[in-house]
PDB file of N, CA and C in Angstrom:
ATOM      1  N   UNK A   1      15.608  42.475  31.022  1.00  0.00           N
ATOM      2  CA  UNK A   1      16.734  43.351  31.293  1.00  0.00           C
ATOM      3  C   UNK A   1      16.474  44.025  32.639  1.00  0.00           C
ATOM      4  N   UNK A   2      17.441  44.025  33.558  1.00  0.00           N
ATOM      5  CA  UNK A   2      17.236  44.583  34.903  1.00  0.00           C
ATOM      6  C   UNK A   2      16.809  46.045  34.899  1.00  0.00           C
ATOM      7  N   UNK A   3      17.405  46.854  34.022  1.00  0.00           N
ATOM      8  CA  UNK A   3      17.031  48.272  33.994  1.00  0.00           C
ATOM      9  C   UNK A   3      15.576  48.436  33.593  1.00  0.00           C
ATOM     10  N   UNK A   4      15.155  47.708  32.569  1.00  0.00           N
ATOM     11  CA  UNK A   4      13.779  47.815  32.097  1.00  0.00           C
ATOM     12  C   UNK A   4      12.785  47.372  33.158  1.00  0.00           C
ATOM     13  N   UNK A   5      13.077  46.286  33.856  1.00  0.00           N
ATOM     14  CA  UNK A   5      12.152  45.810  34.882  1.00  0.00           C
ATOM     15  C   UNK A   5      12.098  46.779  36.050  1.00  0.00           C
ATOM     16  N   UNK A   6      13.225  47.378  36.390  1.00  0.00           N
ATOM     17  CA  UNK A   6      13.247  48.378  37.456  1.00  0.00           C
ATOM     18  C   UNK A   6      12.443  49.608  37.056  1.00  0.00           C
ATOM     19  N   UNK A   7      12.629  50.048  35.820  1.00  0.00           N
ATOM     20  CA  UNK A   7      11.906  51.218  35.315  1.00  0.00           C
ATOM     21  C   UNK A   7      10.406  50.921  35.281  1.00  0.00           C
ATOM     22  N   UNK A   8      10.030  49.750  34.800  1.00  0.00           N
ATOM     23  CA  UNK A   8       8.618  49.384  34.745  1.00  0.00           C
ATOM     24  C   UNK A   8       8.021  49.364  36.149  1.00  0.00           C
ATOM     25  N   UNK A   9       8.774  48.881  37.127  1.00  0.00           N
ATOM     26  CA  UNK A   9       8.284  48.859  38.504  1.00  0.00           C
ATOM     27  C   UNK A   9       7.969  50.252  39.017  1.00  0.00           C
ATOM     28  N   UNK A  10       8.828  51.211  38.728  1.00  0.00           N
ATOM     29  CA  UNK A  10       8.582  52.596  39.156  1.00  0.00           C
ATOM     30  C   UNK A  10       7.379  53.195  38.433  1.00  0.00           C
ATOM     31  N   UNK A  11       7.265  52.931  37.145  1.00  0.00           N
ATOM     32  CA  UNK A  11       6.123  53.441  36.376  1.00  0.00           C
ATOM     33  C   UNK A  11       4.828  52.841  36.904  1.00  0.00           C
ATOM     34  N   UNK A  12       4.853  51.551  37.156  1.00  0.00           N
ATOM     35  CA  UNK A  12       3.677  50.853  37.658  1.00  0.00           C
ATOM     36  C   UNK A  12       3.244  51.415  39.013  1.00  0.00           C
ATOM     37  N   UNK A  13       4.177  51.599  39.925  1.00  0.00           N
ATOM     38  CA  UNK A  13       3.853  52.158  41.239  1.00  0.00           C
ATOM     39  C   UNK A  13       3.305  53.579  41.118  1.00  0.00           C
ATOM     40  N   UNK A  14       3.838  54.369  40.203  1.00  0.00           N
ATOM     41  CA  UNK A  14       3.333  55.719  39.976  1.00  0.00           C
ATOM     42  C   UNK A  14       1.882  55.671  39.496  1.00  0.00           C
ATOM     43  N   UNK A  15       1.602  54.810  38.525  1.00  0.00           N
ATOM     44  CA  UNK A  15       0.242  54.710  37.993  1.00  0.00           C
ATOM     45  C   UNK A  15      -0.741  54.247  39.063  1.00  0.00           C
ATOM     46  N   UNK A  16      -0.311  53.362  39.938  1.00  0.00           N
ATOM     47  CA  UNK A  16      -1.161  52.914  41.042  1.00  0.00           C
ATOM     48  C   UNK A  16      -1.394  54.063  42.017  1.00  0.00           C
ATOM     49  N   UNK A  17      -0.340  54.800  42.359  1.00  0.00           N
ATOM     50  CA  UNK A  17      -0.477  55.902  43.319  1.00  0.00           C
ATOM     51  C   UNK A  17      -1.364  57.021  42.782  1.00  0.00           C
ATOM     52  N   UNK A  18      -1.415  57.181  41.460  1.00  0.00           N
ATOM     53  CA  UNK A  18      -2.262  58.203  40.841  1.00  0.00           C
ATOM     54  C   UNK A  18      -3.687  57.704  40.591  1.00  0.00           C
ATOM     55  N   UNK A  19      -3.952  56.455  40.916  1.00  0.00           N
ATOM     56  CA  UNK A  19      -5.288  55.901  40.741  1.00  0.00           C
ATOM     57  C   UNK A  19      -5.610  55.488  39.310  1.00  0.00           C
ATOM     58  N   UNK A  20      -4.602  55.432  38.464  1.00  0.00           N
ATOM     59  CA  UNK A  20      -4.816  55.057  37.064  1.00  0.00           C
ATOM     60  C   UNK A  20      -4.926  53.538  36.936  1.00  0.00           C
ATOM     61  N   UNK A  21      -4.154  52.816  37.733  1.00  0.00           N
ATOM     62  CA  UNK A  21      -4.182  51.354  37.758  1.00  0.00           C
ATOM     63  C   UNK A  21      -4.498  50.879  39.161  1.00  0.00           C
ATOM     64  N   UNK A  22      -5.051  49.680  39.242  1.00  0.00           N
ATOM     65  CA  UNK A  22      -5.216  48.993  40.519  1.00  0.00           C
ATOM     66  C   UNK A  22      -4.278  47.795  40.518  1.00  0.00           C
ATOM     67  N   UNK A  23      -3.831  47.389  41.708  1.00  0.00           N
ATOM     68  CA  UNK A  23      -2.922  46.240  41.784  1.00  0.00           C
ATOM     69  C   UNK A  23      -3.557  44.982  41.204  1.00  0.00           C
ATOM     70  N   UNK A  24      -4.892  44.880  41.269  1.00  0.00           N
ATOM     71  CA  UNK A  24      -5.542  43.677  40.739  1.00  0.00           C
ATOM     72  C   UNK A  24      -5.605  43.674  39.212  1.00  0.00           C
ATOM     73  N   UNK A  25      -5.147  44.725  38.560  1.00  0.00           N
ATOM     74  CA  UNK A  25      -5.107  44.783  37.102  1.00  0.00           C
ATOM     75  C   UNK A  25      -3.740  44.380  36.550  1.00  0.00           C
ATOM     76  N   UNK A  26      -2.811  44.071  37.422  1.00  0.00           N
ATOM     77  CA  UNK A  26      -1.437  43.792  37.018  1.00  0.00           C
ATOM     78  C   UNK A  26      -1.117  42.328  37.283  1.00  0.00           C
ATOM     79  N   UNK A  27      -0.524  41.689  36.305  1.00  0.00           N
ATOM     80  CA  UNK A  27      -0.082  40.305  36.457  1.00  0.00           C
ATOM     81  C   UNK A  27       1.424  40.323  36.651  1.00  0.00           C
ATOM     82  N   UNK A  28       1.876  39.771  37.771  1.00  0.00           N
ATOM     83  CA  UNK A  28       3.309  39.721  38.030  1.00  0.00           C
ATOM     84  C   UNK A  28       3.863  38.393  37.535  1.00  0.00           C
ATOM     85  N   UNK A  29       4.968  38.431  36.816  1.00  0.00           N
ATOM     86  CA  UNK A  29       5.530  37.197  36.272  1.00  0.00           C
ATOM     87  C   UNK A  29       6.139  36.322  37.364  1.00  0.00           C
ATOM     88  N   UNK A  30       6.125  35.033  37.102  1.00  0.00           N
ATOM     89  CA  UNK A  30       6.802  34.085  37.983  1.00  0.00           C
ATOM     90  C   UNK A  30       7.924  33.432  37.184  1.00  0.00           C
ATOM     91  N   UNK A  31       8.929  32.966  37.874  1.00  0.00           N
ATOM     92  CA  UNK A  31      10.059  32.338  37.203  1.00  0.00           C
ATOM     93  C   UNK A  31       9.616  31.030  36.543  1.00  0.00           C
ATOM     94  N   UNK A  32      10.120  30.791  35.357  1.00  0.00           N
ATOM     95  CA  UNK A  32       9.789  29.563  34.632  1.00  0.00           C
ATOM     96  C   UNK A  32      10.359  28.357  35.367  1.00  0.00           C
ATOM     97  N   UNK A  33       9.563  27.301  35.423  1.00  0.00           N
ATOM     98  CA  UNK A  33      10.042  26.064  36.044  1.00  0.00           C
ATOM     99  C   UNK A  33      10.863  25.272  35.027  1.00  0.00           C
ATOM    100  N   UNK A  34      11.544  24.247  35.512  1.00  0.00           N
ATOM    101  CA  UNK A  34      12.333  23.407  34.609  1.00  0.00           C
ATOM    102  C   UNK A  34      11.426  22.758  33.561  1.00  0.00           C
ATOM    103  N   UNK A  35      10.230  22.325  33.980  1.00  0.00           N
ATOM    104  CA  UNK A  35       9.283  21.724  33.036  1.00  0.00           C
ATOM    105  C   UNK A  35       8.862  22.719  31.960  1.00  0.00           C
ATOM    106  N   UNK A  36       8.707  23.989  32.328  1.00  0.00           N
ATOM    107  CA  UNK A  36       8.347  25.013  31.345  1.00  0.00           C
ATOM    108  C   UNK A  36       9.429  25.167  30.286  1.00  0.00           C
ATOM    109  N   UNK A  37      10.678  24.974  30.686  1.00  0.00           N
ATOM    110  CA  UNK A  37      11.794  25.205  29.779  1.00  0.00           C
ATOM    111  C   UNK A  37      12.123  24.011  28.883  1.00  0.00           C
ATOM    112  N   UNK A  38      11.643  22.842  29.268  1.00  0.00           N
ATOM    113  CA  UNK A  38      11.921  21.651  28.457  1.00  0.00           C
ATOM    114  C   UNK A  38      11.011  21.616  27.236  1.00  0.00           C
ATOM    115  N   UNK A  39      11.592  21.281  26.112  1.00  0.00           N
ATOM    116  CA  UNK A  39      10.806  21.220  24.871  1.00  0.00           C
ATOM    117  C   UNK A  39      10.316  19.815  24.644  1.00  0.00           C
TER     118      UNK A  39
END
């Protein structure tokens, strides 16, 4: 959901700026390929 992903992005950036998280602790999703979607 676009709102949730936007909200998560702001929360994530806040936690990084406060030193609670490091960027290397976060896995960013990639778009599924056609092969991933085929059953």
